[in-house]
């Protein structure tokens, strides 16, 4: 781990299976940041008995609170979650500003749903995560859904800051992608 000056909040973005957690793990290892993972929190909220209808809102409130707490301790944070709604983007920027942390945003992009499907099926998954492009999380049942439409719509809903963000083509090898991440975070 290299020495790092200055605190940052890195907000990850992209559809499930696009590589957000892989990039987040690299940033944790390379910069000593703390990852705050939406899926871990969402699974804990579900395990705690919150119904499926209210679990996402509760999980995001916990994510924001933990992010504030970690930044308040003087540590950089990687917020590992999709960024599909304006509030998620705005909350990340506001939390960074209120803690005098540099705000960074990385969007992981994969446009081949077969690649995403293979990644989703291969990865160890949490209760809250999709089991495939057309296979919902276990709490939503075993009936396949129209995952390609869902994912295409999600890609169109990604919220981005007006400028100074990095989009990564995650079809490329990590050996090509991760140096771009490092350069962006050091700029």
Protein backbone atom coordinates (compact mmCIF):
# COMPACT_ATOMS: atom_id res chain seq x y z
CA UNK A 1 0.00 0.00 0.00
CA UNK A 2 1.41 3.34 -0.99
CA UNK A 3 1.33 6.41 1.22
CA UNK A 4 -1.55 8.69 0.30
CA UNK A 5 -2.05 12.31 1.18
CA UNK A 6 -5.52 13.74 1.37
CA UNK A 7 -8.82 12.09 2.03
CA UNK A 8 -11.23 11.14 -0.75
CA UNK A 9 -14.67 9.70 -1.24
CA UNK A 10 -14.79 7.52 -4.34
CA UNK A 11 -18.28 6.76 -5.53
CA UNK A 12 -18.51 3.66 -7.71
CA UNK A 13 -21.23 3.21 -10.31
CA UNK A 14 -22.43 0.59 -12.78
CA UNK A 15 -24.76 -2.35 -13.18
CA UNK A 16 -24.35 -5.46 -11.03
CA UNK A 17 -21.46 -7.56 -12.36
CA UNK A 18 -19.73 -4.63 -14.05
CA UNK A 19 -16.63 -4.75 -11.84
CA UNK A 20 -17.37 -2.14 -9.15
CA UNK A 21 -16.29 -4.38 -6.27
CA UNK A 22 -13.14 -5.46 -8.11
CA UNK A 23 -12.10 -1.83 -8.62
CA UNK A 24 -13.10 -0.99 -5.03
CA UNK A 25 -10.90 -3.82 -3.69
CA UNK A 26 -7.96 -2.47 -5.71
CA UNK A 27 -8.46 1.04 -4.29
CA UNK A 28 -8.66 -0.36 -0.75
CA UNK A 29 -5.39 -2.26 -1.27
CA UNK A 30 -3.58 0.56 -3.09
CA UNK A 31 -4.74 3.61 -1.16
CA UNK A 32 -5.74 2.32 2.27
CA UNK A 33 -9.36 3.37 1.78
CA UNK A 34 -12.31 1.69 3.46
CA UNK A 35 -14.96 0.09 1.23
CA UNK A 36 -18.58 0.64 2.23
CA UNK A 37 -20.46 -2.03 0.27
CA UNK A 38 -24.19 -1.54 -0.41
CA UNK A 39 -24.77 -5.26 -0.99
CA UNK A 40 -23.26 -6.20 2.39
CA UNK A 41 -25.47 -3.63 4.11
CA UNK A 42 -28.57 -4.62 2.12
CA UNK A 43 -28.05 -8.29 3.00
CA UNK A 44 -27.68 -7.41 6.69
CA UNK A 45 -30.86 -5.31 6.56
CA UNK A 46 -32.74 -8.25 4.99
CA UNK A 47 -31.25 -10.64 7.54
CA UNK A 48 -32.43 -8.23 10.25
CA UNK A 49 -36.02 -8.72 9.15
CA UNK A 50 -36.71 -5.57 7.14
CA UNK A 51 -39.18 -6.45 4.41
CA UNK A 52 -38.05 -6.44 0.79
CA UNK A 53 -40.16 -3.35 0.01
CA UNK A 54 -38.34 -1.16 2.55
CA UNK A 55 -34.90 -2.72 2.60
CA UNK A 56 -33.23 -0.62 -0.12
CA UNK A 57 -34.03 2.74 1.50
CA UNK A 58 -32.89 1.45 4.90
CA UNK A 59 -29.66 0.09 3.40
CA UNK A 60 -28.82 3.40 1.71
CA UNK A 61 -29.41 5.33 4.96
CA UNK A 62 -26.98 2.98 6.72
CA UNK A 63 -24.50 3.34 3.84
CA UNK A 64 -24.59 7.15 4.13
CA UNK A 65 -24.19 7.01 7.93
CA UNK A 66 -21.23 4.60 7.78
CA UNK A 67 -19.59 6.69 5.02
CA UNK A 68 -19.90 9.83 7.18
CA UNK A 69 -18.49 7.98 10.18
CA UNK A 70 -15.46 6.60 8.31
CA UNK A 71 -14.66 9.99 6.73
CA UNK A 72 -15.09 11.54 10.17
CA UNK A 73 -12.34 9.19 11.37
CA UNK A 74 -10.03 10.63 8.72
CA UNK A 75 -10.13 7.65 6.35
CA UNK A 76 -10.85 7.68 2.62
CA UNK A 77 -13.96 5.77 1.52
CA UNK A 78 -15.02 3.81 -1.53
CA UNK A 79 -18.83 3.73 -1.79
CA UNK A 80 -19.51 0.47 -3.64
CA UNK A 81 -23.05 0.71 -4.99
CA UNK A 82 -24.88 1.32 -8.22
CA UNK A 83 -25.63 5.00 -8.68
CA UNK A 84 -29.04 4.92 -10.35
CA UNK A 85 -30.83 7.75 -8.54
CA UNK A 86 -29.98 11.46 -8.22
CA UNK A 87 -30.05 11.28 -4.41
CA UNK A 88 -27.25 8.71 -4.35
CA UNK A 89 -25.02 10.93 -6.46
CA UNK A 90 -25.93 14.11 -4.59
CA UNK A 91 -25.53 12.50 -1.17
CA UNK A 92 -22.05 11.24 -2.08
CA UNK A 93 -20.93 14.69 -3.25
CA UNK A 94 -22.42 16.36 -0.16
CA UNK A 95 -20.82 13.90 2.25
CA UNK A 96 -17.41 14.48 0.62
CA UNK A 97 -17.87 18.26 0.74
CA UNK A 98 -18.97 18.28 4.38
CA UNK A 99 -15.85 16.29 5.38
CA UNK A 100 -13.47 18.31 3.20
CA UNK A 101 -12.69 15.17 1.19
CA UNK A 102 -11.92 15.09 -2.53
CA UNK A 103 -14.88 13.67 -4.45
CA UNK A 104 -14.16 11.09 -7.16
CA UNK A 105 -16.54 9.03 -9.30
CA UNK A 106 -15.83 5.91 -11.36
CA UNK A 107 -18.37 4.21 -13.59
CA UNK A 108 -17.70 0.61 -14.61
CA UNK A 109 -19.27 -0.18 -17.97
CA UNK A 110 -20.01 -3.56 -19.54
CA UNK A 111 -22.35 -3.66 -22.52
CA UNK A 112 -22.26 -7.40 -23.23
CA UNK A 113 -24.96 -8.97 -21.06
CA UNK A 114 -23.44 -12.44 -21.62
CA UNK A 115 -20.27 -11.25 -19.89
CA UNK A 116 -22.32 -9.76 -17.03
CA UNK A 117 -24.39 -12.95 -16.73
CA UNK A 118 -21.28 -15.11 -16.50
CA UNK A 119 -19.78 -12.82 -13.83
CA UNK A 120 -22.99 -12.85 -11.80
CA UNK A 121 -23.28 -16.64 -11.95
CA UNK A 122 -19.59 -17.19 -11.08
CA UNK A 123 -19.13 -14.83 -8.17
CA UNK A 124 -19.77 -15.75 -4.56
CA UNK A 125 -22.97 -13.85 -3.93
CA UNK A 126 -24.84 -12.38 -1.04
CA UNK A 127 -28.53 -12.80 -0.42
CA UNK A 128 -29.26 -9.37 -1.93
CA UNK A 129 -27.44 -9.97 -5.22
CA UNK A 130 -28.79 -11.17 -8.56
CA UNK A 131 -27.87 -14.75 -9.48
CA UNK A 132 -27.73 -13.94 -13.20
CA UNK A 133 -28.89 -11.27 -15.62
CA UNK A 134 -32.36 -12.83 -15.70
CA UNK A 135 -32.28 -14.46 -12.26
CA UNK A 136 -33.33 -12.15 -9.40
CA UNK A 137 -32.01 -12.23 -5.83
CA UNK A 138 -33.41 -15.12 -3.79
CA UNK A 139 -35.84 -12.90 -1.85
CA UNK A 140 -37.59 -12.02 -5.12
CA UNK A 141 -38.23 -15.66 -6.04
CA UNK A 142 -37.04 -18.14 -8.61
CA UNK A 143 -38.99 -16.89 -11.61
CA UNK A 144 -36.68 -15.53 -14.31
CA UNK A 145 -37.32 -11.91 -15.24
CA UNK A 146 -36.48 -9.84 -18.30
CA UNK A 147 -32.99 -9.09 -17.08
CA UNK A 148 -31.68 -7.66 -20.33
CA UNK A 149 -34.37 -4.96 -20.33
CA UNK A 150 -33.76 -4.34 -16.63
CA UNK A 151 -29.99 -4.01 -17.13
CA UNK A 152 -30.33 -1.87 -20.26
CA UNK A 153 -32.69 0.44 -18.38
CA UNK A 154 -30.33 0.54 -15.40
CA UNK A 155 -27.43 1.54 -17.65
CA UNK A 156 -29.53 4.41 -18.97
CA UNK A 157 -30.39 5.53 -15.40
CA UNK A 158 -26.80 5.82 -14.16
CA UNK A 159 -26.30 9.21 -12.54
CA UNK A 160 -23.03 10.99 -13.19
CA UNK A 161 -21.46 14.21 -11.95
CA UNK A 162 -21.23 17.04 -14.47
CA UNK A 163 -17.48 16.56 -14.92
CA UNK A 164 -14.27 15.02 -13.56
CA UNK A 165 -15.35 11.40 -13.59
CA UNK A 166 -13.82 8.24 -15.02
CA UNK A 167 -15.65 5.71 -17.19
CA UNK A 168 -13.98 2.32 -17.44
CA UNK A 169 -14.57 -0.21 -20.21
CA UNK A 170 -14.56 -3.34 -18.05
CA UNK A 171 -14.27 -5.67 -21.05
CA UNK A 172 -10.56 -4.82 -20.99
CA UNK A 173 -8.04 -6.68 -18.81
CA UNK A 174 -7.62 -5.39 -15.26
CA UNK A 175 -3.93 -4.84 -16.00
CA UNK A 176 -5.04 -2.09 -18.42
CA UNK A 177 -7.88 -0.67 -16.31
CA UNK A 178 -6.37 -0.42 -12.82
CA UNK A 179 -3.49 1.95 -13.77
CA UNK A 180 -6.17 4.35 -15.10
CA UNK A 181 -7.89 4.17 -11.70
CA UNK A 182 -4.63 4.98 -9.91
CA UNK A 183 -3.85 7.90 -12.21
CA UNK A 184 -7.37 9.32 -11.79
CA UNK A 185 -7.26 9.10 -7.99
CA UNK A 186 -3.84 10.75 -7.85
CA UNK A 187 -4.88 13.67 -10.07
